[in-house]
Amino acid sequence: MAPTGVTRSREIRHTHIMSGYTHDVSRSAPGLLPIFRSESQLWLLGQVFLHPDREETITELEAATGIPQQTVSREVARLVDAGLLNDRRQGRMHFVTPDRTSPYFPELSALLLKVLGPRQVLTEALVTIGGIQAAYIFGSWARRYQGESGAPPGDIDVVIIGEPDVDKVYEATHRASSELGQEVNAVFLTPAEWRARRTGFVRQIRSEPLVEVTVN
């Protein structure tokens, strides 16, 4: 499903605490926002469902999404009642995970992956860098994106086609890694190498699912 609807102009400020340091992100709400009850619900579901093996506390969700703790607690309670999240308490700690037994889990995970996952983040990270003719996510993330079942990917592979400033690309993918909480691995190919398919590596990439990152 392609993102539709009217993108709201108001920007949301998020603070992500990942890899031992704080990373700030400003972005407009995605176009699919109108199908969710609120912006807070969208970003909260994204944080939980895109990291299904990670048990997070209310405090960690507040830090990762930039949503006030009172709102996080309220949204979590609604989503638990709806059967989308599981929660447990240990002393004063309140832990949250997605409910994998929910009949909505596969489709909702796939939808959030398309709206808030690597494609969206990498588009924002790479779009301002000149010299990139095309970029594609490949490997396990692309297979999950296309609906193939399997374990959550450990990292994200992206092929950069063109002749950009390599340092700028690495800076951008480093920021994307921090935001996604997963390593982004960039591979560089010239347009001629991509077209020629002379190496087994290029032929393999092009024979498997690819998710285009919009950079133009």
N, C-alpha and C. Protein backbone atom coordinates (compact mmCIF):
# COMPACT_ATOMS: atom_id res chain seq x y z
N MET A 1 0.85 -1.19 0.00
CA MET A 1 0.00 0.00 0.00
C MET A 1 0.88 1.23 0.00
N ALA A 2 0.68 2.14 -0.92
CA ALA A 2 1.48 3.35 -0.99
C ALA A 2 0.92 4.39 -0.05
N PRO A 3 1.79 5.26 0.57
CA PRO A 3 1.31 6.29 1.46
C PRO A 3 0.33 7.21 0.75
N THR A 4 -0.85 7.47 1.39
CA THR A 4 -1.86 8.34 0.83
C THR A 4 -2.32 9.32 1.88
N GLY A 5 -3.18 10.24 1.49
CA GLY A 5 -3.74 11.18 2.46
C GLY A 5 -2.97 12.47 2.48
N VAL A 6 -3.44 13.40 3.29
CA VAL A 6 -2.84 14.71 3.36
C VAL A 6 -1.80 14.75 4.46
N THR A 7 -0.58 15.12 4.11
CA THR A 7 0.49 15.21 5.09
C THR A 7 0.33 16.48 5.89
N ARG A 8 0.30 16.38 7.18
CA ARG A 8 0.16 17.56 8.01
C ARG A 8 1.46 18.34 8.03
N SER A 9 1.31 19.66 8.09
CA SER A 9 2.50 20.51 8.01
C SER A 9 3.22 20.63 9.33
N ARG A 10 2.53 20.37 10.42
CA ARG A 10 3.15 20.53 11.72
C ARG A 10 4.22 19.49 11.91
N GLU A 11 5.39 19.90 12.33
CA GLU A 11 6.50 18.98 12.56
C GLU A 11 6.49 18.49 14.00
N ILE A 12 6.91 17.26 14.17
CA ILE A 12 6.98 16.63 15.48
C ILE A 12 8.44 16.50 15.86
N ARG A 13 8.75 16.83 17.08
CA ARG A 13 10.13 16.72 17.55
C ARG A 13 10.29 15.41 18.29
N HIS A 14 11.25 14.60 17.86
CA HIS A 14 11.51 13.30 18.49
C HIS A 14 12.92 13.29 19.06
N THR A 15 13.09 12.68 20.18
CA THR A 15 14.41 12.48 20.74
C THR A 15 14.65 10.99 20.87
N HIS A 16 15.62 10.49 20.14
CA HIS A 16 15.93 9.06 20.15
C HIS A 16 17.19 8.84 20.98
N ILE A 17 17.12 7.93 21.92
CA ILE A 17 18.31 7.57 22.69
C ILE A 17 18.72 6.18 22.25
N MET A 18 19.74 6.13 21.42
CA MET A 18 20.20 4.87 20.86
C MET A 18 21.71 4.86 20.80
N SER A 19 22.26 3.69 20.87
CA SER A 19 23.72 3.51 20.76
C SER A 19 24.48 4.36 21.76
N GLY A 20 23.87 4.63 22.91
CA GLY A 20 24.59 5.32 23.98
C GLY A 20 24.62 6.82 23.88
N TYR A 21 23.90 7.43 22.93
CA TYR A 21 23.88 8.89 22.87
C TYR A 21 22.53 9.35 22.35
N THR A 22 22.25 10.66 22.49
CA THR A 22 20.97 11.21 22.12
C THR A 22 21.01 11.74 20.71
N HIS A 23 19.94 11.48 19.94
CA HIS A 23 19.86 11.94 18.56
C HIS A 23 18.51 12.61 18.36
N ASP A 24 18.49 13.85 17.86
CA ASP A 24 17.25 14.59 17.65
C ASP A 24 16.83 14.51 16.20
N VAL A 25 15.52 14.33 15.98
CA VAL A 25 14.99 14.21 14.63
C VAL A 25 13.77 15.09 14.51
N SER A 26 13.69 15.93 13.46
CA SER A 26 12.49 16.70 13.16
C SER A 26 11.94 16.19 11.84
N ARG A 27 10.64 15.94 11.78
CA ARG A 27 10.06 15.51 10.53
C ARG A 27 8.56 15.75 10.54
N SER A 28 8.00 15.86 9.36
CA SER A 28 6.56 15.99 9.23
C SER A 28 5.92 14.61 9.34
N ALA A 29 4.66 14.60 9.78
CA ALA A 29 3.95 13.33 9.90
C ALA A 29 3.75 12.71 8.53
N PRO A 30 3.91 11.37 8.40
CA PRO A 30 3.74 10.71 7.11
C PRO A 30 2.32 10.83 6.60
N GLY A 31 2.17 10.63 5.29
CA GLY A 31 0.87 10.78 4.67
C GLY A 31 -0.16 9.77 5.12
N LEU A 32 0.27 8.63 5.68
CA LEU A 32 -0.69 7.64 6.13
C LEU A 32 -1.27 7.96 7.49
N LEU A 33 -0.84 9.06 8.08
CA LEU A 33 -1.27 9.42 9.42
C LEU A 33 -2.78 9.40 9.61
N PRO A 34 -3.60 9.87 8.65
CA PRO A 34 -5.04 9.94 8.90
C PRO A 34 -5.71 8.63 9.25
N ILE A 35 -5.13 7.49 8.95
CA ILE A 35 -5.79 6.23 9.30
C ILE A 35 -5.53 5.85 10.75
N PHE A 36 -4.63 6.57 11.43
CA PHE A 36 -4.39 6.32 12.85
C PHE A 36 -5.15 7.33 13.68
N ARG A 37 -5.43 6.98 14.92
CA ARG A 37 -6.24 7.84 15.77
C ARG A 37 -5.54 9.15 16.09
N SER A 38 -4.22 9.13 16.23
CA SER A 38 -3.47 10.33 16.57
C SER A 38 -2.02 10.17 16.12
N GLU A 39 -1.29 11.27 16.06
CA GLU A 39 0.14 11.22 15.77
C GLU A 39 0.88 10.41 16.82
N SER A 40 0.50 10.63 18.07
CA SER A 40 1.18 9.91 19.16
C SER A 40 1.02 8.41 19.01
N GLN A 41 -0.19 7.98 18.64
CA GLN A 41 -0.42 6.55 18.46
C GLN A 41 0.44 5.98 17.33
N LEU A 42 0.54 6.73 16.24
CA LEU A 42 1.35 6.28 15.10
C LEU A 42 2.80 6.08 15.50
N TRP A 43 3.41 7.10 16.11
CA TRP A 43 4.84 7.01 16.46
C TRP A 43 5.09 5.97 17.55
N LEU A 44 4.14 5.84 18.48
CA LEU A 44 4.30 4.84 19.54
C LEU A 44 4.23 3.43 18.97
N LEU A 45 3.24 3.18 18.11
CA LEU A 45 3.15 1.86 17.48
C LEU A 45 4.38 1.56 16.65
N GLY A 46 4.87 2.58 15.94
CA GLY A 46 6.07 2.37 15.15
C GLY A 46 7.26 1.98 15.99
N GLN A 47 7.45 2.66 17.11
CA GLN A 47 8.58 2.36 17.99
C GLN A 47 8.51 0.93 18.52
N VAL A 48 7.31 0.47 18.86
CA VAL A 48 7.15 -0.86 19.45
C VAL A 48 7.17 -1.95 18.37
N PHE A 49 6.42 -1.75 17.29
CA PHE A 49 6.27 -2.81 16.29
C PHE A 49 7.49 -2.96 15.40
N LEU A 50 8.26 -1.90 15.21
CA LEU A 50 9.45 -2.03 14.38
C LEU A 50 10.64 -2.60 15.15
N HIS A 51 10.47 -2.79 16.45
CA HIS A 51 11.50 -3.45 17.27
C HIS A 51 10.79 -4.52 18.12
N PRO A 52 10.18 -5.52 17.48
CA PRO A 52 9.32 -6.46 18.20
C PRO A 52 10.02 -7.31 19.24
N ASP A 53 11.34 -7.47 19.13
CA ASP A 53 12.06 -8.29 20.10
C ASP A 53 12.60 -7.47 21.26
N ARG A 54 12.31 -6.20 21.27
CA ARG A 54 12.83 -5.30 22.30
C ARG A 54 11.73 -4.96 23.29
N GLU A 55 11.92 -5.31 24.55
CA GLU A 55 10.97 -4.95 25.60
C GLU A 55 11.35 -3.56 26.11
N GLU A 56 10.44 -2.60 25.99
CA GLU A 56 10.74 -1.23 26.35
C GLU A 56 9.85 -0.75 27.49
N THR A 57 10.42 0.13 28.32
CA THR A 57 9.65 0.71 29.41
C THR A 57 8.92 1.96 28.91
N ILE A 58 7.97 2.42 29.70
CA ILE A 58 7.26 3.66 29.37
C ILE A 58 8.25 4.81 29.26
N THR A 59 9.23 4.84 30.15
CA THR A 59 10.24 5.90 30.12
C THR A 59 11.06 5.85 28.83
N GLU A 60 11.43 4.64 28.41
CA GLU A 60 12.19 4.49 27.16
C GLU A 60 11.35 4.89 25.95
N LEU A 61 10.07 4.57 25.96
CA LEU A 61 9.19 4.96 24.87
C LEU A 61 9.03 6.48 24.81
N GLU A 62 8.96 7.11 25.97
CA GLU A 62 8.89 8.57 26.02
C GLU A 62 10.15 9.17 25.39
N ALA A 63 11.31 8.64 25.76
CA ALA A 63 12.57 9.17 25.25
C ALA A 63 12.71 8.92 23.75
N ALA A 64 12.27 7.76 23.28
CA ALA A 64 12.45 7.39 21.88
C ALA A 64 11.50 8.13 20.94
N THR A 65 10.32 8.50 21.43
CA THR A 65 9.33 9.13 20.57
C THR A 65 9.18 10.63 20.82
N GLY A 66 9.63 11.13 21.96
CA GLY A 66 9.43 12.53 22.28
C GLY A 66 8.02 12.84 22.74
N ILE A 67 7.23 11.82 22.99
CA ILE A 67 5.85 11.99 23.44
C ILE A 67 5.84 12.05 24.98
N PRO A 68 5.12 12.99 25.60
CA PRO A 68 5.08 13.09 27.06
C PRO A 68 4.67 11.78 27.70
N GLN A 69 5.25 11.49 28.86
CA GLN A 69 5.03 10.21 29.52
C GLN A 69 3.56 9.96 29.82
N GLN A 70 2.82 10.97 30.21
CA GLN A 70 1.40 10.79 30.50
C GLN A 70 0.65 10.32 29.26
N THR A 71 1.00 10.91 28.10
CA THR A 71 0.36 10.50 26.85
C THR A 71 0.76 9.09 26.46
N VAL A 72 2.04 8.75 26.64
CA VAL A 72 2.51 7.39 26.35
C VAL A 72 1.73 6.38 27.19
N SER A 73 1.60 6.65 28.48
CA SER A 73 0.89 5.73 29.38
C SER A 73 -0.56 5.56 28.95
N ARG A 74 -1.19 6.67 28.57
CA ARG A 74 -2.59 6.62 28.14
C ARG A 74 -2.74 5.82 26.85
N GLU A 75 -1.84 6.06 25.87
CA GLU A 75 -1.93 5.35 24.60
C GLU A 75 -1.62 3.87 24.79
N VAL A 76 -0.64 3.55 25.63
CA VAL A 76 -0.31 2.15 25.89
C VAL A 76 -1.52 1.43 26.48
N ALA A 77 -2.20 2.07 27.43
CA ALA A 77 -3.37 1.45 28.04
C ALA A 77 -4.45 1.15 27.00
N ARG A 78 -4.66 2.09 26.08
CA ARG A 78 -5.65 1.88 25.02
C ARG A 78 -5.25 0.72 24.12
N LEU A 79 -3.97 0.67 23.76
CA LEU A 79 -3.49 -0.36 22.84
C LEU A 79 -3.45 -1.73 23.49
N VAL A 80 -3.21 -1.78 24.79
CA VAL A 80 -3.29 -3.06 25.53
C VAL A 80 -4.74 -3.54 25.54
N ASP A 81 -5.68 -2.62 25.82
CA ASP A 81 -7.10 -2.98 25.83
C ASP A 81 -7.56 -3.46 24.46
N ALA A 82 -6.95 -2.90 23.41
CA ALA A 82 -7.32 -3.29 22.05
C ALA A 82 -6.67 -4.60 21.62
N GLY A 83 -5.79 -5.15 22.45
CA GLY A 83 -5.14 -6.41 22.12
C GLY A 83 -3.96 -6.29 21.19
N LEU A 84 -3.41 -5.06 21.02
CA LEU A 84 -2.26 -4.86 20.13
C LEU A 84 -0.93 -4.91 20.88
N LEU A 85 -0.94 -4.60 22.16
CA LEU A 85 0.29 -4.59 22.96
C LEU A 85 0.12 -5.49 24.17
N ASN A 86 1.24 -6.03 24.64
CA ASN A 86 1.32 -6.69 25.94
C ASN A 86 2.09 -5.79 26.88
N ASP A 87 1.72 -5.81 28.16
CA ASP A 87 2.50 -5.06 29.13
C ASP A 87 2.64 -5.87 30.41
N ARG A 88 3.67 -5.57 31.15
CA ARG A 88 3.89 -6.21 32.45
C ARG A 88 4.57 -5.21 33.36
N ARG A 89 4.43 -5.41 34.64
CA ARG A 89 5.03 -4.51 35.62
C ARG A 89 6.00 -5.29 36.50
N GLN A 90 7.10 -4.66 36.78
CA GLN A 90 8.10 -5.22 37.68
C GLN A 90 8.54 -4.09 38.60
N GLY A 91 7.99 -4.10 39.80
CA GLY A 91 8.22 -2.97 40.71
C GLY A 91 7.61 -1.71 40.12
N ARG A 92 8.41 -0.69 39.97
CA ARG A 92 7.93 0.56 39.37
C ARG A 92 8.10 0.59 37.85
N MET A 93 8.70 -0.45 37.31
CA MET A 93 8.95 -0.50 35.87
C MET A 93 7.73 -1.05 35.15
N HIS A 94 7.40 -0.42 34.02
CA HIS A 94 6.27 -0.81 33.21
C HIS A 94 6.80 -1.15 31.81
N PHE A 95 6.77 -2.44 31.45
CA PHE A 95 7.37 -2.90 30.19
C PHE A 95 6.29 -3.15 29.14
N VAL A 96 6.65 -2.89 27.88
CA VAL A 96 5.70 -3.00 26.78
C VAL A 96 6.33 -3.76 25.62
N THR A 97 5.56 -4.66 24.99
CA THR A 97 5.96 -5.36 23.76
C THR A 97 4.72 -5.51 22.88
N PRO A 98 4.91 -5.71 21.57
CA PRO A 98 3.74 -5.98 20.72
C PRO A 98 3.18 -7.36 21.03
N ASP A 99 1.87 -7.51 20.86
CA ASP A 99 1.24 -8.81 21.06
C ASP A 99 1.31 -9.58 19.74
N ARG A 100 2.26 -10.50 19.66
CA ARG A 100 2.46 -11.26 18.43
C ARG A 100 1.32 -12.22 18.14
N THR A 101 0.47 -12.51 19.14
CA THR A 101 -0.66 -13.41 18.91
C THR A 101 -1.87 -12.68 18.33
N SER A 102 -1.80 -11.37 18.28
CA SER A 102 -2.91 -10.61 17.73
C SER A 102 -3.07 -10.91 16.24
N PRO A 103 -4.31 -11.07 15.76
CA PRO A 103 -4.50 -11.31 14.32
C PRO A 103 -4.08 -10.12 13.47
N TYR A 104 -3.92 -8.96 14.09
CA TYR A 104 -3.53 -7.75 13.35
C TYR A 104 -2.02 -7.56 13.29
N PHE A 105 -1.26 -8.38 14.04
CA PHE A 105 0.18 -8.15 14.15
C PHE A 105 0.90 -8.18 12.80
N PRO A 106 0.71 -9.19 11.95
CA PRO A 106 1.48 -9.21 10.69
C PRO A 106 1.18 -8.01 9.79
N GLU A 107 -0.10 -7.70 9.60
CA GLU A 107 -0.46 -6.60 8.70
C GLU A 107 -0.07 -5.25 9.27
N LEU A 108 -0.25 -5.07 10.57
CA LEU A 108 0.10 -3.79 11.18
C LEU A 108 1.61 -3.59 11.17
N SER A 109 2.37 -4.64 11.40
CA SER A 109 3.83 -4.55 11.33
C SER A 109 4.28 -4.16 9.94
N ALA A 110 3.67 -4.78 8.93
CA ALA A 110 4.04 -4.48 7.55
C ALA A 110 3.69 -3.04 7.19
N LEU A 111 2.53 -2.57 7.64
CA LEU A 111 2.12 -1.20 7.36
C LEU A 111 3.05 -0.20 8.01
N LEU A 112 3.39 -0.41 9.27
CA LEU A 112 4.29 0.51 9.97
C LEU A 112 5.69 0.47 9.38
N LEU A 113 6.10 -0.70 8.91
CA LEU A 113 7.40 -0.81 8.26
C LEU A 113 7.45 0.09 7.03
N LYS A 114 6.35 0.12 6.26
CA LYS A 114 6.32 0.94 5.06
C LYS A 114 6.23 2.42 5.37
N VAL A 115 5.54 2.78 6.45
CA VAL A 115 5.34 4.20 6.77
C VAL A 115 6.54 4.79 7.51
N LEU A 116 7.07 4.07 8.48
CA LEU A 116 8.07 4.64 9.38
C LEU A 116 9.42 3.93 9.33
N GLY A 117 9.53 2.87 8.54
CA GLY A 117 10.74 2.07 8.56
C GLY A 117 11.88 2.64 7.73
N PRO A 118 12.85 1.80 7.38
CA PRO A 118 14.07 2.25 6.71
C PRO A 118 13.85 3.05 5.43
N ARG A 119 12.83 2.71 4.65
CA ARG A 119 12.61 3.44 3.39
C ARG A 119 12.37 4.92 3.67
N GLN A 120 11.50 5.19 4.63
CA GLN A 120 11.18 6.58 4.97
C GLN A 120 12.40 7.30 5.54
N VAL A 121 13.09 6.64 6.47
CA VAL A 121 14.24 7.27 7.13
C VAL A 121 15.37 7.52 6.14
N LEU A 122 15.68 6.53 5.29
CA LEU A 122 16.77 6.69 4.33
C LEU A 122 16.42 7.71 3.25
N THR A 123 15.17 7.80 2.86
CA THR A 123 14.77 8.84 1.91
C THR A 123 15.11 10.22 2.47
N GLU A 124 14.75 10.47 3.71
CA GLU A 124 15.03 11.76 4.33
C GLU A 124 16.52 11.99 4.51
N ALA A 125 17.28 10.91 4.76
CA ALA A 125 18.71 11.06 5.00
C ALA A 125 19.49 11.31 3.72
N LEU A 126 19.04 10.74 2.59
CA LEU A 126 19.83 10.77 1.36
C LEU A 126 19.36 11.79 0.33
N VAL A 127 18.14 12.29 0.46
CA VAL A 127 17.54 13.09 -0.60
C VAL A 127 18.31 14.37 -0.90
N THR A 128 19.02 14.91 0.07
CA THR A 128 19.74 16.18 -0.15
C THR A 128 21.16 15.98 -0.67
N ILE A 129 21.60 14.75 -0.82
CA ILE A 129 22.97 14.48 -1.25
C ILE A 129 23.02 14.37 -2.77
N GLY A 130 23.83 15.20 -3.40
CA GLY A 130 23.95 15.17 -4.84
C GLY A 130 24.75 13.98 -5.34
N GLY A 131 24.56 13.64 -6.59
CA GLY A 131 25.34 12.58 -7.21
C GLY A 131 24.76 11.19 -7.06
N ILE A 132 23.62 11.05 -6.38
CA ILE A 132 22.97 9.74 -6.24
C ILE A 132 21.91 9.62 -7.32
N GLN A 133 22.08 8.66 -8.22
CA GLN A 133 21.09 8.44 -9.27
C GLN A 133 19.94 7.56 -8.79
N ALA A 134 20.25 6.62 -7.92
CA ALA A 134 19.22 5.73 -7.38
C ALA A 134 19.77 5.07 -6.13
N ALA A 135 18.87 4.59 -5.28
CA ALA A 135 19.26 3.87 -4.08
C ALA A 135 18.19 2.83 -3.78
N TYR A 136 18.62 1.65 -3.36
CA TYR A 136 17.69 0.57 -3.08
C TYR A 136 18.08 -0.14 -1.79
N ILE A 137 17.09 -0.44 -0.97
CA ILE A 137 17.30 -1.35 0.16
C ILE A 137 17.22 -2.77 -0.39
N PHE A 138 18.16 -3.62 -0.01
CA PHE A 138 18.14 -5.01 -0.45
C PHE A 138 18.36 -5.92 0.74
N GLY A 139 18.38 -7.20 0.52
CA GLY A 139 18.62 -8.15 1.60
C GLY A 139 17.38 -8.42 2.42
N SER A 140 17.58 -8.77 3.70
CA SER A 140 16.48 -9.24 4.54
C SER A 140 15.42 -8.17 4.78
N TRP A 141 15.83 -6.91 4.92
CA TRP A 141 14.83 -5.85 5.12
C TRP A 141 13.92 -5.74 3.91
N ALA A 142 14.48 -5.79 2.71
CA ALA A 142 13.66 -5.71 1.50
C ALA A 142 12.71 -6.91 1.42
N ARG A 143 13.18 -8.07 1.82
CA ARG A 143 12.31 -9.24 1.79
C ARG A 143 11.15 -9.10 2.77
N ARG A 144 11.42 -8.56 3.99
CA ARG A 144 10.33 -8.32 4.94
C ARG A 144 9.36 -7.29 4.38
N TYR A 145 9.90 -6.25 3.75
CA TYR A 145 9.07 -5.18 3.20
C TYR A 145 8.12 -5.72 2.12
N GLN A 146 8.61 -6.68 1.34
CA GLN A 146 7.80 -7.27 0.28
C GLN A 146 6.87 -8.36 0.78
N GLY A 147 6.89 -8.61 2.10
CA GLY A 147 5.94 -9.54 2.68
C GLY A 147 6.47 -10.93 2.96
N GLU A 148 7.75 -11.17 2.69
CA GLU A 148 8.32 -12.49 2.98
C GLU A 148 8.49 -12.65 4.48
N SER A 149 8.03 -13.76 5.03
CA SER A 149 8.13 -13.98 6.47
C SER A 149 9.56 -14.31 6.87
N GLY A 150 9.85 -14.11 8.14
CA GLY A 150 11.19 -14.40 8.64
C GLY A 150 11.49 -13.60 9.89
N ALA A 151 12.63 -13.85 10.47
CA ALA A 151 13.03 -13.15 11.69
C ALA A 151 13.32 -11.68 11.38
N PRO A 152 13.15 -10.79 12.37
CA PRO A 152 13.49 -9.38 12.15
C PRO A 152 14.95 -9.24 11.73
N PRO A 153 15.23 -8.45 10.71
CA PRO A 153 16.62 -8.31 10.23
C PRO A 153 17.52 -7.68 11.29
N GLY A 154 18.78 -8.08 11.27
CA GLY A 154 19.73 -7.54 12.23
C GLY A 154 20.31 -6.22 11.77
N ASP A 155 20.33 -5.98 10.46
CA ASP A 155 20.83 -4.71 9.93
C ASP A 155 20.12 -4.39 8.63
N ILE A 156 20.47 -3.27 8.02
CA ILE A 156 19.81 -2.78 6.83
C ILE A 156 20.85 -2.54 5.75
N ASP A 157 20.68 -3.14 4.59
CA ASP A 157 21.62 -3.00 3.49
C ASP A 157 21.03 -2.09 2.42
N VAL A 158 21.80 -1.12 1.97
CA VAL A 158 21.35 -0.21 0.92
C VAL A 158 22.44 -0.06 -0.13
N VAL A 159 22.05 -0.15 -1.40
CA VAL A 159 23.00 0.05 -2.49
C VAL A 159 22.79 1.46 -3.04
N ILE A 160 23.89 2.20 -3.15
CA ILE A 160 23.89 3.57 -3.64
C ILE A 160 24.46 3.56 -5.05
N ILE A 161 23.68 4.01 -6.03
CA ILE A 161 24.11 4.01 -7.42
C ILE A 161 24.36 5.45 -7.85
N GLY A 162 25.58 5.73 -8.30
CA GLY A 162 25.94 7.08 -8.70
C GLY A 162 27.36 7.39 -8.27
N GLU A 163 27.65 8.68 -8.17
CA GLU A 163 28.98 9.12 -7.75
C GLU A 163 28.84 10.26 -6.73
N PRO A 164 28.25 9.96 -5.58
CA PRO A 164 28.07 10.98 -4.55
C PRO A 164 29.33 11.16 -3.72
N ASP A 165 29.31 12.16 -2.85
CA ASP A 165 30.36 12.33 -1.85
C ASP A 165 30.20 11.21 -0.83
N VAL A 166 31.16 10.30 -0.81
CA VAL A 166 31.06 9.11 0.05
C VAL A 166 30.95 9.49 1.52
N ASP A 167 31.72 10.49 1.94
CA ASP A 167 31.67 10.89 3.34
C ASP A 167 30.29 11.38 3.73
N LYS A 168 29.64 12.12 2.84
CA LYS A 168 28.29 12.62 3.14
C LYS A 168 27.29 11.46 3.25
N VAL A 169 27.47 10.47 2.40
CA VAL A 169 26.58 9.29 2.47
C VAL A 169 26.79 8.56 3.79
N TYR A 170 28.06 8.38 4.18
CA TYR A 170 28.32 7.69 5.44
C TYR A 170 27.76 8.47 6.64
N GLU A 171 27.87 9.80 6.59
CA GLU A 171 27.28 10.61 7.66
C GLU A 171 25.77 10.42 7.71
N ALA A 172 25.15 10.39 6.53
CA ALA A 172 23.69 10.23 6.47
C ALA A 172 23.26 8.85 6.95
N THR A 173 23.98 7.81 6.55
CA THR A 173 23.60 6.47 6.99
C THR A 173 23.89 6.27 8.47
N HIS A 174 24.89 6.98 8.99
CA HIS A 174 25.15 6.92 10.43
C HIS A 174 23.97 7.52 11.20
N ARG A 175 23.45 8.64 10.71
CA ARG A 175 22.29 9.24 11.36
C ARG A 175 21.08 8.31 11.26
N ALA A 176 20.91 7.69 10.09
CA ALA A 176 19.80 6.75 9.92
C ALA A 176 19.94 5.56 10.86
N SER A 177 21.17 5.07 11.04
CA SER A 177 21.41 3.95 11.96
C SER A 177 20.98 4.32 13.38
N SER A 178 21.33 5.54 13.79
CA SER A 178 20.97 5.99 15.13
C SER A 178 19.46 6.06 15.30
N GLU A 179 18.78 6.58 14.28
CA GLU A 179 17.34 6.73 14.37
C GLU A 179 16.62 5.39 14.34
N LEU A 180 17.09 4.48 13.52
CA LEU A 180 16.43 3.18 13.38
C LEU A 180 16.84 2.19 14.47
N GLY A 181 17.96 2.47 15.12
CA GLY A 181 18.45 1.54 16.13
C GLY A 181 19.05 0.29 15.54
N GLN A 182 19.41 0.36 14.24
CA GLN A 182 20.03 -0.78 13.55
C GLN A 182 21.09 -0.25 12.60
N GLU A 183 22.12 -1.04 12.38
CA GLU A 183 23.20 -0.63 11.50
C GLU A 183 22.73 -0.55 10.05
N VAL A 184 23.07 0.55 9.38
CA VAL A 184 22.79 0.70 7.96
C VAL A 184 24.11 0.52 7.20
N ASN A 185 24.16 -0.46 6.31
CA ASN A 185 25.36 -0.76 5.54
C ASN A 185 25.19 -0.27 4.11
N ALA A 186 26.03 0.68 3.68
CA ALA A 186 25.93 1.23 2.33
C ALA A 186 26.94 0.56 1.40
N VAL A 187 26.49 0.19 0.21
CA VAL A 187 27.33 -0.35 -0.85
C VAL A 187 27.26 0.61 -2.03
N PHE A 188 28.41 0.96 -2.62
CA PHE A 188 28.45 1.94 -3.70
C PHE A 188 28.73 1.25 -5.04
N LEU A 189 27.93 1.62 -6.06
CA LEU A 189 28.14 1.12 -7.40
C LEU A 189 27.98 2.28 -8.39
N THR A 190 28.78 2.28 -9.44
CA THR A 190 28.60 3.27 -10.49
C THR A 190 27.39 2.84 -11.34
N PRO A 191 26.78 3.79 -12.05
CA PRO A 191 25.67 3.42 -12.94
C PRO A 191 26.06 2.33 -13.94
N ALA A 192 27.29 2.38 -14.45
CA ALA A 192 27.74 1.37 -15.40
C ALA A 192 27.81 -0.01 -14.75
N GLU A 193 28.32 -0.08 -13.54
CA GLU A 193 28.40 -1.36 -12.83
C GLU A 193 27.01 -1.92 -12.59
N TRP A 194 26.07 -1.04 -12.24
CA TRP A 194 24.69 -1.48 -11.96
C TRP A 194 24.03 -2.02 -13.23
N ARG A 195 24.26 -1.37 -14.34
CA ARG A 195 23.64 -1.79 -15.60
C ARG A 195 24.28 -3.07 -16.15
N ALA A 196 25.60 -3.18 -16.02
CA ALA A 196 26.32 -4.28 -16.66
C ALA A 196 26.07 -5.63 -16.01
N ARG A 197 25.84 -5.63 -14.69
CA ARG A 197 25.60 -6.89 -13.96
C ARG A 197 26.73 -7.89 -14.17
N ARG A 198 27.95 -7.40 -14.21
CA ARG A 198 29.08 -8.29 -14.50
C ARG A 198 29.49 -9.14 -13.32
N THR A 199 29.29 -8.66 -12.11
CA THR A 199 29.72 -9.43 -10.94
C THR A 199 28.55 -10.23 -10.38
N GLY A 200 28.89 -11.32 -9.71
CA GLY A 200 27.87 -12.14 -9.07
C GLY A 200 27.12 -11.37 -8.01
N PHE A 201 27.82 -10.46 -7.33
CA PHE A 201 27.19 -9.66 -6.28
C PHE A 201 26.07 -8.81 -6.85
N VAL A 202 26.34 -8.11 -7.96
CA VAL A 202 25.32 -7.26 -8.57
C VAL A 202 24.17 -8.10 -9.10
N ARG A 203 24.48 -9.22 -9.73
CA ARG A 203 23.42 -10.09 -10.26
C ARG A 203 22.53 -10.61 -9.13
N GLN A 204 23.14 -10.94 -8.00
CA GLN A 204 22.36 -11.44 -6.87
C GLN A 204 21.43 -10.35 -6.33
N ILE A 205 21.97 -9.15 -6.13
CA ILE A 205 21.15 -8.06 -5.63
C ILE A 205 19.95 -7.83 -6.54
N ARG A 206 20.20 -7.80 -7.85
CA ARG A 206 19.14 -7.47 -8.80
C ARG A 206 18.15 -8.61 -8.99
N SER A 207 18.49 -9.81 -8.53
CA SER A 207 17.57 -10.93 -8.65
C SER A 207 16.65 -11.07 -7.45
N GLU A 208 16.94 -10.31 -6.40
CA GLU A 208 16.17 -10.40 -5.16
C GLU A 208 15.29 -9.16 -4.99
N PRO A 209 14.38 -9.17 -4.00
CA PRO A 209 13.53 -8.00 -3.79
C PRO A 209 14.34 -6.74 -3.52
N LEU A 210 13.91 -5.65 -4.12
CA LEU A 210 14.52 -4.34 -3.92
C LEU A 210 13.44 -3.35 -3.50
N VAL A 211 13.78 -2.46 -2.59
CA VAL A 211 12.86 -1.40 -2.18
C VAL A 211 13.51 -0.08 -2.53
N GLU A 212 12.92 0.64 -3.45
CA GLU A 212 13.53 1.90 -3.92
C GLU A 212 13.43 2.97 -2.85
N VAL A 213 14.54 3.65 -2.63
CA VAL A 213 14.60 4.82 -1.75
C VAL A 213 14.51 6.05 -2.65
N THR A 214 13.52 6.89 -2.41
CA THR A 214 13.29 8.05 -3.27
C THR A 214 14.35 9.11 -2.96
N VAL A 215 15.22 9.38 -3.95
CA VAL A 215 16.32 10.34 -3.73
C VAL A 215 16.29 11.48 -4.74
N ASN A 216 15.35 11.47 -5.66
CA ASN A 216 15.26 12.52 -6.68
C ASN A 216 13.88 13.20 -6.63
